[in-house]
């Protein structure tokens, strides 16, 4: 197992914040799901790289950043405009290792991240 910090790639709406089914701008009135702040703080304390992705348009970047900040949701990068289709992570195995270095966790919408063990 690597001693380097893990990278967590996490969707926003329906994973960190309540998904309201009101279109992309409707998500701006959303609130954190139970356990979101605690889990983000846990990952941050462990030094993990936290990358947030969202289907929200690039034009909503500043308001999204303010929303996340108001909830105390820390992150290292914010990637906007990721469409609603399937998301696939492709990664390499390290030399001399057969260990997988990429994993996925699929949650039901609005289930939250509190029970994820990484």
PDB file of N, CA and C in Angstrom:
ATOM      1  N   UNK A   1       0.838  -1.181   0.000  1.00  0.00           N
ATOM      2  CA  UNK A   1       0.000   0.000   0.000  1.00  0.00           C
ATOM      3  C   UNK A   1       0.881   1.242   0.000  1.00  0.00           C
ATOM      4  N   UNK A   2       0.500   2.261  -0.745  1.00  0.00           N
ATOM      5  CA  UNK A   2       1.276   3.482  -0.897  1.00  0.00           C
ATOM      6  C   UNK A   2       1.158   4.391   0.317  1.00  0.00           C
ATOM      7  N   UNK A   3       2.252   5.099   0.627  1.00  0.00           N
ATOM      8  CA  UNK A   3       2.241   6.083   1.702  1.00  0.00           C
ATOM      9  C   UNK A   3       1.830   7.462   1.199  1.00  0.00           C
ATOM     10  N   UNK A   4       1.669   7.608  -0.102  1.00  0.00           N
ATOM     11  CA  UNK A   4       1.259   8.878  -0.672  1.00  0.00           C
ATOM     12  C   UNK A   4      -0.222   9.105  -0.407  1.00  0.00           C
ATOM     13  N   UNK A   5      -0.633  10.377  -0.310  1.00  0.00           N
ATOM     14  CA  UNK A   5      -2.057  10.639  -0.017  1.00  0.00           C
ATOM     15  C   UNK A   5      -2.964  10.159  -1.149  1.00  0.00           C
ATOM     16  N   UNK A   6      -4.127   9.692  -0.772  1.00  0.00           N
ATOM     17  CA  UNK A   6      -5.123   9.263  -1.749  1.00  0.00           C
ATOM     18  C   UNK A   6      -5.741  10.477  -2.419  1.00  0.00           C
ATOM     19  N   UNK A   7      -6.258  10.258  -3.587  1.00  0.00           N
ATOM     20  CA  UNK A   7      -7.033  11.276  -4.292  1.00  0.00           C
ATOM     21  C   UNK A   7      -8.476  10.806  -4.325  1.00  0.00           C
ATOM     22  N   UNK A   8      -9.363  11.641  -3.809  1.00  0.00           N
ATOM     23  CA  UNK A   8     -10.788  11.356  -3.789  1.00  0.00           C
ATOM     24  C   UNK A   8     -11.437  12.223  -4.861  1.00  0.00           C
ATOM     25  N   UNK A   9     -12.149  11.610  -5.782  1.00  0.00           N
ATOM     26  CA  UNK A   9     -12.897  12.334  -6.810  1.00  0.00           C
ATOM     27  C   UNK A   9     -14.367  12.146  -6.462  1.00  0.00           C
ATOM     28  N   UNK A  10     -15.039  13.247  -6.194  1.00  0.00           N
ATOM     29  CA  UNK A  10     -16.377  13.156  -5.618  1.00  0.00           C
ATOM     30  C   UNK A  10     -17.337  14.110  -6.321  1.00  0.00           C
ATOM     31  N   UNK A  11     -18.491  13.611  -6.693  1.00  0.00           N
ATOM     32  CA  UNK A  11     -19.546  14.434  -7.262  1.00  0.00           C
ATOM     33  C   UNK A  11     -20.137  15.317  -6.159  1.00  0.00           C
ATOM     34  N   UNK A  12     -20.779  16.401  -6.551  1.00  0.00           N
ATOM     35  CA  UNK A  12     -21.362  17.318  -5.567  1.00  0.00           C
ATOM     36  C   UNK A  12     -22.835  17.002  -5.323  1.00  0.00           C
ATOM     37  N   UNK A  13     -23.673  17.204  -6.327  1.00  0.00           N
ATOM     38  CA  UNK A  13     -25.123  17.103  -6.149  1.00  0.00           C
ATOM     39  C   UNK A  13     -25.571  15.642  -6.054  1.00  0.00           C
ATOM     40  N   UNK A  14     -26.260  15.315  -4.969  1.00  0.00           N
ATOM     41  CA  UNK A  14     -26.716  13.955  -4.734  1.00  0.00           C
ATOM     42  C   UNK A  14     -25.707  13.107  -3.984  1.00  0.00           C
ATOM     43  N   UNK A  15     -24.471  13.635  -3.804  1.00  0.00           N
ATOM     44  CA  UNK A  15     -23.419  12.920  -3.077  1.00  0.00           C
ATOM     45  C   UNK A  15     -23.000  13.715  -1.843  1.00  0.00           C
ATOM     46  N   UNK A  16     -22.650  14.980  -2.041  1.00  0.00           N
ATOM     47  CA  UNK A  16     -22.304  15.856  -0.918  1.00  0.00           C
ATOM     48  C   UNK A  16     -23.486  16.718  -0.485  1.00  0.00           C
ATOM     49  N   UNK A  17     -24.231  17.201  -1.474  1.00  0.00           N
ATOM     50  CA  UNK A  17     -25.378  18.072  -1.229  1.00  0.00           C
ATOM     51  C   UNK A  17     -26.658  17.400  -1.692  1.00  0.00           C
ATOM     52  N   UNK A  18     -27.760  17.764  -1.090  1.00  0.00           N
ATOM     53  CA  UNK A  18     -29.066  17.222  -1.482  1.00  0.00           C
ATOM     54  C   UNK A  18     -29.340  17.575  -2.941  1.00  0.00           C
ATOM     55  N   UNK A  19     -29.683  16.568  -3.733  1.00  0.00           N
ATOM     56  CA  UNK A  19     -30.064  16.789  -5.133  1.00  0.00           C
ATOM     57  C   UNK A  19     -31.557  17.056  -5.153  1.00  0.00           C
ATOM     58  N   UNK A  20     -31.941  18.204  -5.720  1.00  0.00           N
ATOM     59  CA  UNK A  20     -33.335  18.636  -5.632  1.00  0.00           C
ATOM     60  C   UNK A  20     -34.149  18.436  -6.905  1.00  0.00           C
ATOM     61  N   UNK A  21     -33.563  17.914  -7.962  1.00  0.00           N
ATOM     62  CA  UNK A  21     -34.285  17.687  -9.221  1.00  0.00           C
ATOM     63  C   UNK A  21     -34.941  18.953  -9.762  1.00  0.00           C
ATOM     64  N   UNK A  22     -34.262  20.091  -9.621  1.00  0.00           N
ATOM     65  CA  UNK A  22     -34.799  21.363 -10.111  1.00  0.00           C
ATOM     66  C   UNK A  22     -33.896  21.991 -11.158  1.00  0.00           C
ATOM     67  N   UNK A  23     -33.141  21.200 -11.873  1.00  0.00           N
ATOM     68  CA  UNK A  23     -32.202  21.751 -12.831  1.00  0.00           C
ATOM     69  C   UNK A  23     -30.935  22.205 -12.121  1.00  0.00           C
ATOM     70  N   UNK A  24     -29.943  22.559 -12.918  1.00  0.00           N
ATOM     71  CA  UNK A  24     -28.642  22.905 -12.344  1.00  0.00           C
ATOM     72  C   UNK A  24     -28.698  24.117 -11.427  1.00  0.00           C
ATOM     73  N   UNK A  25     -29.462  25.127 -11.781  1.00  0.00           N
ATOM     74  CA  UNK A  25     -29.505  26.312 -10.914  1.00  0.00           C
ATOM     75  C   UNK A  25     -30.303  26.049  -9.651  1.00  0.00           C
ATOM     76  N   UNK A  26     -31.219  25.099  -9.662  1.00  0.00           N
ATOM     77  CA  UNK A  26     -31.976  24.754  -8.464  1.00  0.00           C
ATOM     78  C   UNK A  26     -31.096  24.169  -7.375  1.00  0.00           C
ATOM     79  N   UNK A  27     -29.953  23.588  -7.769  1.00  0.00           N
ATOM     80  CA  UNK A  27     -29.038  22.987  -6.801  1.00  0.00           C
ATOM     81  C   UNK A  27     -28.363  24.046  -5.926  1.00  0.00           C
ATOM     82  N   UNK A  28     -28.425  25.294  -6.343  1.00  0.00           N
ATOM     83  CA  UNK A  28     -27.765  26.355  -5.594  1.00  0.00           C
ATOM     84  C   UNK A  28     -28.469  26.629  -4.270  1.00  0.00           C
ATOM     85  N   UNK A  29     -29.676  26.111  -4.094  1.00  0.00           N
ATOM     86  CA  UNK A  29     -30.412  26.259  -2.837  1.00  0.00           C
ATOM     87  C   UNK A  29     -30.340  24.983  -2.003  1.00  0.00           C
ATOM     88  N   UNK A  30     -29.393  24.121  -2.316  1.00  0.00           N
ATOM     89  CA  UNK A  30     -29.271  22.832  -1.664  1.00  0.00           C
ATOM     90  C   UNK A  30     -28.529  22.954  -0.337  1.00  0.00           C
ATOM     91  N   UNK A  31     -28.521  21.863   0.438  1.00  0.00           N
ATOM     92  CA  UNK A  31     -27.814  21.818   1.711  1.00  0.00           C
ATOM     93  C   UNK A  31     -27.018  20.519   1.791  1.00  0.00           C
ATOM     94  N   UNK A  32     -26.015  20.460   2.681  1.00  0.00           N
ATOM     95  CA  UNK A  32     -25.204  19.244   2.788  1.00  0.00           C
ATOM     96  C   UNK A  32     -26.018  18.052   3.282  1.00  0.00           C
ATOM     97  N   UNK A  33     -25.722  16.893   2.757  1.00  0.00           N
ATOM     98  CA  UNK A  33     -26.299  15.647   3.254  1.00  0.00           C
ATOM     99  C   UNK A  33     -25.656  15.313   4.598  1.00  0.00           C
ATOM    100  N   UNK A  34     -26.367  14.566   5.417  1.00  0.00           N
ATOM    101  CA  UNK A  34     -25.846  14.173   6.731  1.00  0.00           C
ATOM    102  C   UNK A  34     -24.480  13.512   6.593  1.00  0.00           C
ATOM    103  N   UNK A  35     -23.545  13.959   7.389  1.00  0.00           N
ATOM    104  CA  UNK A  35     -22.209  13.367   7.429  1.00  0.00           C
ATOM    105  C   UNK A  35     -21.219  13.937   6.435  1.00  0.00           C
ATOM    106  N   UNK A  36     -21.684  14.794   5.525  1.00  0.00           N
ATOM    107  CA  UNK A  36     -20.790  15.334   4.496  1.00  0.00           C
ATOM    108  C   UNK A  36     -19.636  16.118   5.107  1.00  0.00           C
ATOM    109  N   UNK A  37     -19.936  17.054   5.974  1.00  0.00           N
ATOM    110  CA  UNK A  37     -18.901  17.928   6.526  1.00  0.00           C
ATOM    111  C   UNK A  37     -17.890  17.105   7.321  1.00  0.00           C
ATOM    112  N   UNK A  38     -18.368  16.180   8.126  1.00  0.00           N
ATOM    113  CA  UNK A  38     -17.472  15.347   8.931  1.00  0.00           C
ATOM    114  C   UNK A  38     -16.550  14.507   8.049  1.00  0.00           C
ATOM    115  N   UNK A  39     -17.092  13.923   6.977  1.00  0.00           N
ATOM    116  CA  UNK A  39     -16.284  13.070   6.100  1.00  0.00           C
ATOM    117  C   UNK A  39     -15.265  13.903   5.330  1.00  0.00           C
ATOM    118  N   UNK A  40     -15.666  15.076   4.843  1.00  0.00           N
ATOM    119  CA  UNK A  40     -14.721  15.954   4.145  1.00  0.00           C
ATOM    120  C   UNK A  40     -13.607  16.366   5.102  1.00  0.00           C
ATOM    121  N   UNK A  41     -13.956  16.706   6.336  1.00  0.00           N
ATOM    122  CA  UNK A  41     -12.946  17.081   7.331  1.00  0.00           C
ATOM    123  C   UNK A  41     -12.007  15.912   7.629  1.00  0.00           C
ATOM    124  N   UNK A  42     -12.545  14.705   7.690  1.00  0.00           N
ATOM    125  CA  UNK A  42     -11.726  13.506   7.917  1.00  0.00           C
ATOM    126  C   UNK A  42     -10.717  13.333   6.788  1.00  0.00           C
ATOM    127  N   UNK A  43     -11.202  13.416   5.548  1.00  0.00           N
ATOM    128  CA  UNK A  43     -10.314  13.264   4.395  1.00  0.00           C
ATOM    129  C   UNK A  43      -9.268  14.368   4.358  1.00  0.00           C
ATOM    130  N   UNK A  44      -9.675  15.591   4.666  1.00  0.00           N
ATOM    131  CA  UNK A  44      -8.750  16.719   4.681  1.00  0.00           C
ATOM    132  C   UNK A  44      -7.673  16.505   5.744  1.00  0.00           C
ATOM    133  N   UNK A  45      -8.062  16.044   6.928  1.00  0.00           N
ATOM    134  CA  UNK A  45      -7.110  15.800   8.020  1.00  0.00           C
ATOM    135  C   UNK A  45      -6.109  14.703   7.649  1.00  0.00           C
ATOM    136  N   UNK A  46      -6.520  13.750   6.824  1.00  0.00           N
ATOM    137  CA  UNK A  46      -5.625  12.679   6.379  1.00  0.00           C
ATOM    138  C   UNK A  46      -4.727  13.118   5.222  1.00  0.00           C
ATOM    139  N   UNK A  47      -4.929  14.356   4.750  1.00  0.00           N
ATOM    140  CA  UNK A  47      -4.096  14.875   3.669  1.00  0.00           C
ATOM    141  C   UNK A  47      -4.500  14.409   2.288  1.00  0.00           C
ATOM    142  N   UNK A  48      -5.702  13.860   2.149  1.00  0.00           N
ATOM    143  CA  UNK A  48      -6.161  13.392   0.847  1.00  0.00           C
ATOM    144  C   UNK A  48      -6.347  14.578  -0.104  1.00  0.00           C
ATOM    145  N   UNK A  49      -6.106  14.341  -1.376  1.00  0.00           N
ATOM    146  CA  UNK A  49      -6.430  15.318  -2.410  1.00  0.00           C
ATOM    147  C   UNK A  49      -7.906  15.140  -2.726  1.00  0.00           C
ATOM    148  N   UNK A  50      -8.669  16.207  -2.613  1.00  0.00           N
ATOM    149  CA  UNK A  50     -10.111  16.138  -2.820  1.00  0.00           C
ATOM    150  C   UNK A  50     -10.454  16.903  -4.090  1.00  0.00           C
ATOM    151  N   UNK A  51     -10.951  16.174  -5.067  1.00  0.00           N
ATOM    152  CA  UNK A  51     -11.357  16.761  -6.340  1.00  0.00           C
ATOM    153  C   UNK A  51     -12.863  16.627  -6.440  1.00  0.00           C
ATOM    154  N   UNK A  52     -13.545  17.743  -6.575  1.00  0.00           N
ATOM    155  CA  UNK A  52     -14.993  17.732  -6.722  1.00  0.00           C
ATOM    156  C   UNK A  52     -15.338  17.903  -8.191  1.00  0.00           C
ATOM    157  N   UNK A  53     -16.329  17.117  -8.644  1.00  0.00           N
ATOM    158  CA  UNK A  53     -16.822  17.246 -10.010  1.00  0.00           C
ATOM    159  C   UNK A  53     -18.321  17.518  -9.954  1.00  0.00           C
ATOM    160  N   UNK A  54     -18.801  18.175 -11.002  1.00  0.00           N
ATOM    161  CA  UNK A  54     -20.215  18.501 -11.052  1.00  0.00           C
ATOM    162  C   UNK A  54     -20.658  18.714 -12.496  1.00  0.00           C
ATOM    163  N   UNK A  55     -21.933  18.452 -12.723  1.00  0.00           N
ATOM    164  CA  UNK A  55     -22.541  18.752 -14.013  1.00  0.00           C
ATOM    165  C   UNK A  55     -22.921  20.220 -14.138  1.00  0.00           C
ATOM    166  N   UNK A  56     -22.762  20.975 -13.059  1.00  0.00           N
ATOM    167  CA  UNK A  56     -23.100  22.400 -13.117  1.00  0.00           C
ATOM    168  C   UNK A  56     -22.251  23.099 -14.173  1.00  0.00           C
ATOM    169  N   UNK A  57     -22.857  24.048 -14.833  1.00  0.00           N
ATOM    170  CA  UNK A  57     -22.166  24.793 -15.889  1.00  0.00           C
ATOM    171  C   UNK A  57     -21.010  25.623 -15.327  1.00  0.00           C
ATOM    172  N   UNK A  58     -20.015  25.832 -16.169  1.00  0.00           N
ATOM    173  CA  UNK A  58     -18.865  26.674 -15.807  1.00  0.00           C
ATOM    174  C   UNK A  58     -19.307  28.060 -15.363  1.00  0.00           C
ATOM    175  N   UNK A  59     -20.391  28.562 -15.930  1.00  0.00           N
ATOM    176  CA  UNK A  59     -20.883  29.894 -15.548  1.00  0.00           C
ATOM    177  C   UNK A  59     -21.352  29.951 -14.091  1.00  0.00           C
ATOM    178  N   UNK A  60     -21.535  28.789 -13.459  1.00  0.00           N
ATOM    179  CA  UNK A  60     -21.945  28.725 -12.059  1.00  0.00           C
ATOM    180  C   UNK A  60     -20.768  28.482 -11.104  1.00  0.00           C
ATOM    181  N   UNK A  61     -19.546  28.578 -11.617  1.00  0.00           N
ATOM    182  CA  UNK A  61     -18.358  28.289 -10.805  1.00  0.00           C
ATOM    183  C   UNK A  61     -18.294  29.157  -9.550  1.00  0.00           C
ATOM    184  N   UNK A  62     -18.387  30.459  -9.680  1.00  0.00           N
ATOM    185  CA  UNK A  62     -18.209  31.347  -8.526  1.00  0.00           C
ATOM    186  C   UNK A  62     -19.287  31.124  -7.469  1.00  0.00           C
ATOM    187  N   UNK A  63     -20.525  30.989  -7.902  1.00  0.00           N
ATOM    188  CA  UNK A  63     -21.600  30.766  -6.935  1.00  0.00           C
ATOM    189  C   UNK A  63     -21.468  29.378  -6.291  1.00  0.00           C
ATOM    190  N   UNK A  64     -20.981  28.393  -7.033  1.00  0.00           N
ATOM    191  CA  UNK A  64     -20.747  27.057  -6.482  1.00  0.00           C
ATOM    192  C   UNK A  64     -19.625  27.107  -5.448  1.00  0.00           C
ATOM    193  N   UNK A  65     -18.550  27.809  -5.761  1.00  0.00           N
ATOM    194  CA  UNK A  65     -17.443  27.952  -4.814  1.00  0.00           C
ATOM    195  C   UNK A  65     -17.921  28.616  -3.522  1.00  0.00           C
ATOM    196  N   UNK A  66     -18.728  29.653  -3.641  1.00  0.00           N
ATOM    197  CA  UNK A  66     -19.258  30.338  -2.453  1.00  0.00           C
ATOM    198  C   UNK A  66     -20.168  29.408  -1.650  1.00  0.00           C
ATOM    199  N   UNK A  67     -20.988  28.632  -2.346  1.00  0.00           N
ATOM    200  CA  UNK A  67     -21.873  27.685  -1.673  1.00  0.00           C
ATOM    201  C   UNK A  67     -21.067  26.661  -0.885  1.00  0.00           C
ATOM    202  N   UNK A  68     -20.071  26.054  -1.514  1.00  0.00           N
ATOM    203  CA  UNK A  68     -19.242  25.056  -0.846  1.00  0.00           C
ATOM    204  C   UNK A  68     -18.507  25.665   0.347  1.00  0.00           C
ATOM    205  N   UNK A  69     -17.982  26.860   0.166  1.00  0.00           N
ATOM    206  CA  UNK A  69     -17.276  27.539   1.246  1.00  0.00           C
ATOM    207  C   UNK A  69     -18.208  27.829   2.421  1.00  0.00           C
ATOM    208  N   UNK A  70     -19.438  28.232   2.121  1.00  0.00           N
ATOM    209  CA  UNK A  70     -20.385  28.555   3.201  1.00  0.00           C
ATOM    210  C   UNK A  70     -20.701  27.339   4.065  1.00  0.00           C
ATOM    211  N   UNK A  71     -20.576  26.135   3.493  1.00  0.00           N
ATOM    212  CA  UNK A  71     -20.825  24.901   4.237  1.00  0.00           C
ATOM    213  C   UNK A  71     -19.553  24.345   4.874  1.00  0.00           C
ATOM    214  N   UNK A  72     -18.401  24.926   4.544  1.00  0.00           N
ATOM    215  CA  UNK A  72     -17.137  24.408   5.061  1.00  0.00           C
ATOM    216  C   UNK A  72     -16.685  23.154   4.344  1.00  0.00           C
ATOM    217  N   UNK A  73     -17.024  23.040   3.058  1.00  0.00           N
ATOM    218  CA  UNK A  73     -16.604  21.888   2.258  1.00  0.00           C
ATOM    219  C   UNK A  73     -15.295  22.248   1.570  1.00  0.00           C
ATOM    220  N   UNK A  74     -14.203  21.632   2.052  1.00  0.00           N
ATOM    221  CA  UNK A  74     -12.870  21.886   1.521  1.00  0.00           C
ATOM    222  C   UNK A  74     -12.611  20.992   0.323  1.00  0.00           C
ATOM    223  N   UNK A  75     -11.823  21.492  -0.624  1.00  0.00           N
ATOM    224  CA  UNK A  75     -11.437  20.710  -1.790  1.00  0.00           C
ATOM    225  C   UNK A  75     -10.162  21.292  -2.373  1.00  0.00           C
ATOM    226  N   UNK A  76      -9.497  20.500  -3.213  1.00  0.00           N
ATOM    227  CA  UNK A  76      -8.273  20.938  -3.874  1.00  0.00           C
ATOM    228  C   UNK A  76      -8.538  21.411  -5.296  1.00  0.00           C
ATOM    229  N   UNK A  77      -9.486  20.768  -5.964  1.00  0.00           N
ATOM    230  CA  UNK A  77      -9.842  21.160  -7.329  1.00  0.00           C
ATOM    231  C   UNK A  77     -11.348  21.036  -7.505  1.00  0.00           C
ATOM    232  N   UNK A  78     -11.876  21.886  -8.384  1.00  0.00           N
ATOM    233  CA  UNK A  78     -13.292  21.850  -8.722  1.00  0.00           C
ATOM    234  C   UNK A  78     -13.400  21.775 -10.237  1.00  0.00           C
ATOM    235  N   UNK A  79     -13.979  20.683 -10.724  1.00  0.00           N
ATOM    236  CA  UNK A  79     -14.141  20.481 -12.169  1.00  0.00           C
ATOM    237  C   UNK A  79     -15.614  20.630 -12.495  1.00  0.00           C
ATOM    238  N   UNK A  80     -15.918  21.607 -13.329  1.00  0.00           N
ATOM    239  CA  UNK A  80     -17.295  21.943 -13.692  1.00  0.00           C
ATOM    240  C   UNK A  80     -17.652  21.338 -15.057  1.00  0.00           C
ATOM    241  N   UNK A  81     -18.946  21.231 -15.322  1.00  0.00           N
ATOM    242  CA  UNK A  81     -19.436  20.851 -16.647  1.00  0.00           C
ATOM    243  C   UNK A  81     -19.283  19.384 -16.993  1.00  0.00           C
ATOM    244  N   UNK A  82     -19.139  18.512 -15.991  1.00  0.00           N
ATOM    245  CA  UNK A  82     -19.036  17.075 -16.247  1.00  0.00           C
ATOM    246  C   UNK A  82     -20.448  16.566 -16.491  1.00  0.00           C
ATOM    247  N   UNK A  83     -20.696  16.088 -17.694  1.00  0.00           N
ATOM    248  CA  UNK A  83     -22.045  15.703 -18.096  1.00  0.00           C
ATOM    249  C   UNK A  83     -22.657  14.608 -17.250  1.00  0.00           C
ATOM    250  N   UNK A  84     -23.912  14.325 -17.523  1.00  0.00           N
ATOM    251  CA  UNK A  84     -24.674  13.358 -16.747  1.00  0.00           C
ATOM    252  C   UNK A  84     -24.476  11.916 -17.146  1.00  0.00           C
ATOM    253  N   UNK A  85     -23.624  11.661 -18.128  1.00  0.00           N
ATOM    254  CA  UNK A  85     -23.386  10.285 -18.555  1.00  0.00           C
ATOM    255  C   UNK A  85     -22.507   9.530 -17.574  1.00  0.00           C
ATOM    256  N   UNK A  86     -22.223   8.264 -17.896  1.00  0.00           N
ATOM    257  CA  UNK A  86     -21.360   7.443 -17.046  1.00  0.00           C
ATOM    258  C   UNK A  86     -19.996   8.102 -16.886  1.00  0.00           C
ATOM    259  N   UNK A  87     -19.395   7.897 -15.736  1.00  0.00           N
ATOM    260  CA  UNK A  87     -18.061   8.430 -15.433  1.00  0.00           C
ATOM    261  C   UNK A  87     -17.130   7.247 -15.210  1.00  0.00           C
ATOM    262  N   UNK A  88     -16.024   7.233 -15.916  1.00  0.00           N
ATOM    263  CA  UNK A  88     -15.085   6.125 -15.884  1.00  0.00           C
ATOM    264  C   UNK A  88     -13.714   6.653 -15.462  1.00  0.00           C
ATOM    265  N   UNK A  89     -13.084   5.998 -14.485  1.00  0.00           N
ATOM    266  CA  UNK A  89     -11.735   6.356 -14.057  1.00  0.00           C
ATOM    267  C   UNK A  89     -10.778   5.339 -14.656  1.00  0.00           C
ATOM    268  N   UNK A  90      -9.757   5.817 -15.347  1.00  0.00           N
ATOM    269  CA  UNK A  90      -8.739   4.948 -15.931  1.00  0.00           C
ATOM    270  C   UNK A  90      -7.415   5.324 -15.280  1.00  0.00           C
ATOM    271  N   UNK A  91      -6.721   4.339 -14.742  1.00  0.00           N
ATOM    272  CA  UNK A  91      -5.480   4.594 -14.021  1.00  0.00           C
ATOM    273  C   UNK A  91      -4.509   3.452 -14.275  1.00  0.00           C
ATOM    274  N   UNK A  92      -3.214   3.702 -14.060  1.00  0.00           N
ATOM    275  CA  UNK A  92      -2.215   2.651 -14.257  1.00  0.00           C
ATOM    276  C   UNK A  92      -1.863   1.973 -12.941  1.00  0.00           C
ATOM    277  N   UNK A  93      -1.379   0.734 -13.067  1.00  0.00           N
ATOM    278  CA  UNK A  93      -0.817   0.036 -11.902  1.00  0.00           C
ATOM    279  C   UNK A  93       0.648   0.446 -11.798  1.00  0.00           C
ATOM    280  N   UNK A  94       1.143   0.523 -10.584  1.00  0.00           N
ATOM    281  CA  UNK A  94       2.530   0.898 -10.361  1.00  0.00           C
ATOM    282  C   UNK A  94       3.451  -0.242 -10.807  1.00  0.00           C
ATOM    283  N   UNK A  95       4.686   0.095 -11.223  1.00  0.00           N
ATOM    284  CA  UNK A  95       5.630  -0.965 -11.633  1.00  0.00           C
ATOM    285  C   UNK A  95       5.816  -1.991 -10.514  1.00  0.00           C
ATOM    286  N   UNK A  96       5.967  -3.244 -10.898  1.00  0.00           N
ATOM    287  CA  UNK A  96       6.192  -4.344  -9.959  1.00  0.00           C
ATOM    288  C   UNK A  96       5.034  -4.532  -8.984  1.00  0.00           C
ATOM    289  N   UNK A  97       3.836  -4.167  -9.377  1.00  0.00           N
ATOM    290  CA  UNK A  97       2.680  -4.337  -8.500  1.00  0.00           C
ATOM    291  C   UNK A  97       1.478  -4.749  -9.323  1.00  0.00           C
ATOM    292  N   UNK A  98       0.731  -5.667  -8.807  1.00  0.00           N
ATOM    293  CA  UNK A  98      -0.515  -6.067  -9.448  1.00  0.00           C
ATOM    294  C   UNK A  98      -1.712  -5.454  -8.721  1.00  0.00           C
ATOM    295  N   UNK A  99      -1.447  -4.608  -7.727  1.00  0.00           N
ATOM    296  CA  UNK A  99      -2.503  -4.003  -6.927  1.00  0.00           C
ATOM    297  C   UNK A  99      -3.230  -2.930  -7.725  1.00  0.00           C
ATOM    298  N   UNK A 100      -4.553  -2.950  -7.671  1.00  0.00           N
ATOM    299  CA  UNK A 100      -5.339  -1.896  -8.305  1.00  0.00           C
ATOM    300  C   UNK A 100      -5.086  -0.573  -7.611  1.00  0.00           C
ATOM    301  N   UNK A 101      -5.052   0.498  -8.391  1.00  0.00           N
ATOM    302  CA  UNK A 101      -4.809   1.831  -7.836  1.00  0.00           C
ATOM    303  C   UNK A 101      -5.969   2.778  -8.108  1.00  0.00           C
ATOM    304  N   UNK A 102      -7.067   2.237  -8.588  1.00  0.00           N
ATOM    305  CA  UNK A 102      -8.272   3.045  -8.792  1.00  0.00           C
ATOM    306  C   UNK A 102      -9.478   2.213  -8.351  1.00  0.00           C
ATOM    307  N   UNK A 103     -10.404   2.854  -7.691  1.00  0.00           N
ATOM    308  CA  UNK A 103     -11.601   2.202  -7.169  1.00  0.00           C
ATOM    309  C   UNK A 103     -12.795   3.097  -7.454  1.00  0.00           C
ATOM    310  N   UNK A 104     -13.980   2.541  -7.369  1.00  0.00           N
ATOM    311  CA  UNK A 104     -15.175   3.377  -7.481  1.00  0.00           C
ATOM    312  C   UNK A 104     -16.170   2.989  -6.398  1.00  0.00           C
ATOM    313  N   UNK A 105     -16.915   3.975  -5.961  1.00  0.00           N
ATOM    314  CA  UNK A 105     -17.992   3.775  -5.005  1.00  0.00           C
ATOM    315  C   UNK A 105     -19.228   4.411  -5.625  1.00  0.00           C
ATOM    316  N   UNK A 106     -20.257   3.631  -5.820  1.00  0.00           N
ATOM    317  CA  UNK A 106     -21.504   4.152  -6.360  1.00  0.00           C
ATOM    318  C   UNK A 106     -22.540   4.208  -5.246  1.00  0.00           C
ATOM    319  N   UNK A 107     -23.132   5.375  -5.074  1.00  0.00           N
ATOM    320  CA  UNK A 107     -24.130   5.593  -4.024  1.00  0.00           C
ATOM    321  C   UNK A 107     -25.491   5.861  -4.640  1.00  0.00           C
ATOM    322  N   UNK A 108     -26.523   5.565  -3.897  1.00  0.00           N
ATOM    323  CA  UNK A 108     -27.843   6.013  -4.309  1.00  0.00           C
ATOM    324  C   UNK A 108     -27.909   7.523  -4.100  1.00  0.00           C
ATOM    325  N   UNK A 109     -28.619   8.199  -4.970  1.00  0.00           N
ATOM    326  CA  UNK A 109     -28.734   9.657  -4.873  1.00  0.00           C
ATOM    327  C   UNK A 109     -29.210  10.063  -3.484  1.00  0.00           C
ATOM    328  N   UNK A 110     -28.559  11.057  -2.931  1.00  0.00           N
ATOM    329  CA  UNK A 110     -28.862  11.647  -1.619  1.00  0.00           C
ATOM    330  C   UNK A 110     -28.612  10.690  -0.449  1.00  0.00           C
ATOM    331  N   UNK A 111     -27.859   9.597  -0.680  1.00  0.00           N
ATOM    332  CA  UNK A 111     -27.495   8.683   0.394  1.00  0.00           C
ATOM    333  C   UNK A 111     -26.418   9.296   1.287  1.00  0.00           C
ATOM    334  N   UNK A 112     -25.535  10.095   0.706  1.00  0.00           N
ATOM    335  CA  UNK A 112     -24.459  10.723   1.463  1.00  0.00           C
ATOM    336  C   UNK A 112     -23.222   9.845   1.559  1.00  0.00           C
ATOM    337  N   UNK A 113     -22.135  10.457   2.028  1.00  0.00           N
ATOM    338  CA  UNK A 113     -20.827   9.792   2.055  1.00  0.00           C
ATOM    339  C   UNK A 113     -20.398   9.326   3.440  1.00  0.00           C
ATOM    340  N   UNK A 114     -21.244   9.491   4.418  1.00  0.00           N
ATOM    341  CA  UNK A 114     -20.833   9.240   5.806  1.00  0.00           C
ATOM    342  C   UNK A 114     -20.350   7.808   6.063  1.00  0.00           C
ATOM    343  N   UNK A 115     -20.858   6.839   5.338  1.00  0.00           N
ATOM    344  CA  UNK A 115     -20.484   5.427   5.590  1.00  0.00           C
ATOM    345  C   UNK A 115     -19.358   4.917   4.710  1.00  0.00           C
ATOM    346  N   UNK A 116     -18.806   5.771   3.866  1.00  0.00           N
ATOM    347  CA  UNK A 116     -17.720   5.342   2.992  1.00  0.00           C
ATOM    348  C   UNK A 116     -16.455   5.116   3.807  1.00  0.00           C
ATOM    349  N   UNK A 117     -15.831   3.986   3.591  1.00  0.00           N
ATOM    350  CA  UNK A 117     -14.542   3.669   4.227  1.00  0.00           C
ATOM    351  C   UNK A 117     -13.491   3.625   3.127  1.00  0.00           C
ATOM    352  N   UNK A 118     -12.565   4.563   3.182  1.00  0.00           N
ATOM    353  CA  UNK A 118     -11.511   4.624   2.167  1.00  0.00           C
ATOM    354  C   UNK A 118     -10.164   4.543   2.852  1.00  0.00           C
TER     355      UNK A 118
END
